[in-house]
Amino acid sequence: MSDQRMAPIVQARGLTKQVRTGAETLTILSDVSFEVGPGEAVAILGPSGSGKSTLLGLLAGLDTPSAGRVALNGVDLYSLDEDARAKLRGGLAGFVFQSFQLLPALTALENVMLPLELNGGKDARGQAERLLLRVGLEARLGHYPRQLSGGEQQRVAIARAFAGEPRLLFADEPTGNLDSVTGAQIIELMFELNRERDTTLILVTHDEALAAHCGRRLFLEGGRLVRGER
């Protein structure tokens, strides 16, 4: 096995995020460093306001740090301009959010087809249909988000996230808007797909049951990485 295969897919070095609030400077993250290897599942935990979602946004290149760097698949994310970051992210990563982030004017099928079409993929409809079948929504292809339950919407979001066959999946409180039974089903589905496709998973959660599925857990407190455990 080559050294390249073993290289971290995510590297964070000294990540710091500060924002100005009037005359004061608020530090949201302070000097956070860690690595994530290919195929790992890592949970980021901590109390509300500890900087979890901010950290996820920085790792994904959705926000810019005040200091520090992030490398995705060996590429220094913040040496790139915004368009180049978006291109790298689009070819490497998928996303699952607490609020589903489905487009309300598109059907379940169209929501999953969209990233495939944007990336110029062939047979976007066929791929999207197969993914929706895999997540148990073959009877909901033509339904709009407003016609779906929360759990069904999250299944669509998971199918969309995996549509581009990402090497890396970012998930921000993916069970946060779901009841415990539905949340457990979504957890099982997400990790089944993760294993099937050998995807690296980094997720933010308050859900201990969800975090327990991960091979490693990182704990934030007051914007600092206070400990990690397996």
Protein backbone atom coordinates (compact mmCIF):
# COMPACT_ATOMS: atom_id res chain seq x y z
CA MET A 1 0.00 0.00 0.00
CA SER A 2 1.39 3.38 -1.01
CA ASP A 3 2.01 6.25 1.35
CA GLN A 4 -0.45 8.30 -0.72
CA ARG A 5 -3.28 5.93 0.16
CA MET A 6 -2.46 6.34 3.83
CA ALA A 7 -2.22 10.14 3.72
CA PRO A 8 -4.90 12.01 5.71
CA ILE A 9 -7.89 13.12 3.68
CA VAL A 10 -8.45 16.05 6.09
CA GLN A 11 -5.76 18.00 7.94
CA ALA A 12 -6.56 20.94 10.21
CA ARG A 13 -3.68 23.00 11.57
CA GLY A 14 -4.12 25.80 14.12
CA LEU A 15 -7.66 26.65 13.00
CA THR A 16 -8.86 29.86 14.63
CA LYS A 17 -12.03 31.82 13.95
CA GLN A 18 -12.67 35.27 15.41
CA VAL A 19 -15.48 37.73 14.69
CA ARG A 20 -15.84 41.39 15.59
CA THR A 21 -18.88 42.31 17.68
CA GLY A 22 -18.83 46.05 18.08
CA ALA A 23 -15.65 46.97 19.90
CA GLU A 24 -14.97 43.39 21.01
CA THR A 25 -13.44 40.39 19.28
CA LEU A 26 -15.19 37.08 19.90
CA THR A 27 -13.10 33.92 19.54
CA ILE A 28 -15.27 31.06 18.29
CA LEU A 29 -12.44 28.59 17.62
CA SER A 30 -8.89 28.68 18.95
CA ASP A 31 -5.90 26.74 17.57
CA VAL A 32 -7.71 23.52 16.61
CA SER A 33 -5.51 20.83 14.99
CA PHE A 34 -6.24 17.22 14.00
CA GLU A 35 -6.18 14.81 11.06
CA VAL A 36 -8.71 12.38 9.63
CA GLY A 37 -7.64 9.35 7.63
CA PRO A 38 -9.43 7.83 4.64
CA GLY A 39 -12.43 5.73 5.68
CA GLU A 40 -12.59 7.07 9.24
CA ALA A 41 -15.85 8.10 10.92
CA VAL A 42 -15.26 11.00 13.32
CA ALA A 43 -17.83 12.70 15.56
CA ILE A 44 -17.34 16.27 16.79
CA LEU A 45 -19.11 16.82 20.11
CA GLY A 46 -19.44 19.63 22.61
CA PRO A 47 -21.96 21.89 24.32
CA SER A 48 -24.01 24.44 22.40
CA GLY A 49 -21.80 27.35 21.38
CA SER A 50 -18.57 25.36 21.55
CA GLY A 51 -17.80 25.97 17.86
CA LYS A 52 -18.77 22.61 16.36
CA SER A 53 -20.70 23.84 13.33
CA THR A 54 -18.14 26.61 12.74
CA LEU A 55 -15.39 23.98 12.68
CA LEU A 56 -17.33 21.86 10.19
CA GLY A 57 -17.85 24.90 7.95
CA LEU A 58 -14.12 25.65 8.00
CA LEU A 59 -13.19 22.05 7.21
CA ALA A 60 -15.56 22.11 4.23
CA GLY A 61 -14.39 25.48 2.95
CA LEU A 62 -17.81 27.06 3.50
CA ASP A 63 -16.26 29.72 5.76
CA THR A 64 -12.76 31.19 6.06
CA PRO A 65 -10.56 30.99 9.18
CA SER A 66 -8.94 33.94 10.92
CA ALA A 67 -5.78 31.83 11.19
CA GLY A 68 -4.64 28.30 10.43
CA ARG A 69 -5.09 26.03 7.44
CA VAL A 70 -7.09 23.08 6.15
CA ALA A 71 -5.90 20.54 3.58
CA LEU A 72 -8.45 18.33 1.81
CA ASN A 73 -6.93 15.36 0.05
CA GLY A 74 -3.54 17.09 0.28
CA VAL A 75 -4.72 20.40 -1.23
CA ASP A 76 -4.40 23.56 0.89
CA LEU A 77 -8.04 24.70 0.85
CA TYR A 78 -7.43 28.35 1.68
CA SER A 79 -4.69 28.82 -0.89
CA LEU A 80 -7.51 28.54 -3.46
CA ASP A 81 -9.98 31.20 -4.49
CA GLU A 82 -13.69 30.69 -3.80
CA ASP A 83 -14.43 29.13 -7.19
CA ALA A 84 -11.54 26.67 -6.90
CA ARG A 85 -12.63 25.74 -3.37
CA ALA A 86 -16.14 25.07 -4.65
CA LYS A 87 -14.76 22.89 -7.46
CA LEU A 88 -12.60 20.88 -5.04
CA ARG A 89 -15.51 20.49 -2.64
CA GLY A 90 -17.88 19.48 -5.43
CA GLY A 91 -15.59 16.70 -6.60
CA LEU A 92 -14.70 15.40 -3.15
CA ALA A 93 -17.42 16.01 -0.57
CA GLY A 94 -21.11 15.48 0.16
CA PHE A 95 -23.24 17.20 2.80
CA VAL A 96 -26.14 16.27 5.10
CA PHE A 97 -27.72 19.05 7.19
CA GLN A 98 -30.12 19.15 10.13
CA SER A 99 -32.60 21.22 8.08
CA PHE A 100 -32.40 18.87 5.04
CA GLN A 101 -31.73 21.77 2.59
CA LEU A 102 -33.91 20.30 -0.14
CA LEU A 103 -35.14 22.59 -2.92
CA PRO A 104 -38.92 22.91 -2.37
CA ALA A 105 -39.78 23.36 -6.06
CA LEU A 106 -38.09 20.08 -7.03
CA THR A 107 -39.35 16.53 -6.48
CA ALA A 108 -37.34 14.00 -4.50
CA LEU A 109 -36.00 12.60 -7.76
CA GLU A 110 -35.09 16.04 -9.11
CA ASN A 111 -33.33 17.00 -5.85
CA VAL A 112 -31.07 13.96 -6.16
CA MET A 113 -30.57 14.43 -9.90
CA LEU A 114 -29.48 18.06 -9.55
CA PRO A 115 -25.88 17.55 -8.31
CA LEU A 116 -25.40 14.77 -10.85
CA GLU A 117 -26.51 17.06 -13.68
CA LEU A 118 -24.39 19.95 -12.40
CA ASN A 119 -21.33 17.67 -12.43
CA GLY A 120 -22.11 16.57 -16.00
CA GLY A 121 -22.86 12.99 -14.99
CA LYS A 122 -24.44 10.58 -17.45
CA ASP A 123 -27.77 8.89 -16.69
CA ALA A 124 -28.53 11.27 -13.79
CA ARG A 125 -32.12 10.00 -13.63
CA GLY A 126 -31.09 6.36 -13.44
CA GLN A 127 -28.49 7.01 -10.76
CA ALA A 128 -30.93 9.10 -8.73
CA GLU A 129 -33.65 6.44 -9.00
CA ARG A 130 -31.24 3.74 -7.80
CA LEU A 131 -30.15 5.83 -4.82
CA LEU A 132 -33.74 6.61 -3.81
CA LEU A 133 -34.55 2.91 -4.09
CA ARG A 134 -31.55 2.19 -1.85
CA VAL A 135 -32.84 4.58 0.84
CA GLY A 136 -36.35 3.10 0.65
CA LEU A 137 -38.12 5.90 -1.24
CA GLU A 138 -39.00 4.22 -4.52
CA ALA A 139 -42.67 5.17 -3.93
CA ARG A 140 -41.83 8.85 -3.34
CA LEU A 141 -39.87 9.80 -6.47
CA GLY A 142 -42.43 12.36 -7.64
CA HIS A 143 -43.19 13.84 -4.23
CA TYR A 144 -42.12 17.35 -3.24
CA PRO A 145 -40.39 18.02 0.10
CA ARG A 146 -43.61 19.43 1.62
CA GLN A 147 -45.28 16.07 0.89
CA LEU A 148 -42.61 14.09 2.75
CA SER A 149 -42.09 13.46 6.46
CA GLY A 150 -38.94 14.70 8.17
CA GLY A 151 -37.40 11.25 8.01
CA GLU A 152 -38.23 10.92 4.32
CA GLN A 153 -36.73 14.33 3.60
CA GLN A 154 -33.52 13.31 5.35
CA ARG A 155 -33.43 10.11 3.29
CA VAL A 156 -33.63 12.23 0.14
CA ALA A 157 -30.85 14.45 1.52
CA ILE A 158 -28.67 11.38 2.20
CA ALA A 159 -29.31 10.03 -1.31
CA ARG A 160 -28.34 13.43 -2.72
CA ALA A 161 -25.20 13.56 -0.56
CA PHE A 162 -24.03 10.19 -1.87
CA ALA A 163 -25.05 10.92 -5.49
CA GLY A 164 -21.64 12.20 -6.51
CA GLU A 165 -19.88 9.22 -4.88
CA PRO A 166 -18.01 11.53 -2.48
CA ARG A 167 -14.87 10.39 -0.73
CA LEU A 168 -15.79 12.62 2.21
CA LEU A 169 -19.16 13.26 3.85
CA PHE A 170 -19.83 16.19 6.19
CA ALA A 171 -22.94 15.90 8.38
CA ASP A 172 -24.23 18.67 10.67
CA GLU A 173 -26.72 17.37 13.29
CA PRO A 174 -28.29 14.95 10.75
CA THR A 175 -30.80 13.62 13.33
CA GLY A 176 -31.43 16.96 15.06
CA ASN A 177 -34.94 17.51 13.62
CA LEU A 178 -36.08 13.90 13.91
CA ASP A 179 -37.76 11.87 16.64
CA SER A 180 -35.69 9.16 18.30
CA VAL A 181 -37.10 6.24 16.30
CA THR A 182 -36.72 8.01 12.94
CA GLY A 183 -33.30 9.30 13.99
CA ALA A 184 -32.15 5.75 14.75
CA GLN A 185 -33.29 4.63 11.28
CA ILE A 186 -31.42 7.51 9.64
CA ILE A 187 -28.26 6.70 11.65
CA GLU A 188 -28.37 3.08 10.48
CA LEU A 189 -28.94 4.08 6.87
CA MET A 190 -26.15 6.66 6.84
CA PHE A 191 -23.59 4.27 8.28
CA GLU A 192 -24.68 1.43 5.98
CA LEU A 193 -24.07 3.65 2.97
CA ASN A 194 -20.83 4.88 4.49
CA ARG A 195 -19.52 1.31 4.85
CA GLU A 196 -20.73 0.27 1.39
CA ARG A 197 -18.94 3.18 -0.28
CA ASP A 198 -15.91 3.43 2.04
CA THR A 199 -16.58 7.12 2.59
CA THR A 200 -14.83 9.22 5.21
CA LEU A 201 -17.41 10.73 7.58
CA ILE A 202 -17.06 13.84 9.77
CA LEU A 203 -20.18 14.75 11.70
CA VAL A 204 -21.29 17.27 14.30
CA THR A 205 -23.86 15.96 16.76
CA HIS A 206 -25.40 16.21 20.21
CA ASP A 207 -26.66 12.64 19.76
CA GLU A 208 -24.57 10.20 21.80
CA ALA A 209 -26.13 7.23 19.96
CA LEU A 210 -24.98 8.71 16.67
CA ALA A 211 -21.51 9.54 18.01
CA ALA A 212 -21.16 5.97 19.34
CA HIS A 213 -21.22 4.67 15.75
CA CYS A 214 -18.05 6.61 14.98
CA GLY A 215 -14.56 5.20 15.41
CA ARG A 216 -13.30 8.43 16.96
CA ARG A 217 -14.81 11.33 18.89
CA LEU A 218 -13.40 14.84 19.25
CA PHE A 219 -14.64 17.11 22.04
CA LEU A 220 -14.80 20.89 21.76
CA GLU A 221 -15.24 23.21 24.70
CA GLY A 222 -15.10 27.00 24.51
CA GLY A 223 -13.74 26.80 20.97
CA ARG A 224 -10.84 24.54 21.92
CA LEU A 225 -10.25 20.87 21.19
CA VAL A 226 -10.07 19.50 24.72
CA ARG A 227 -9.79 15.78 24.03
CA GLY A 228 -10.22 12.98 21.54
CA GLU A 229 -11.11 9.36 22.15
CA ARG A 230 -11.76 6.15 20.27
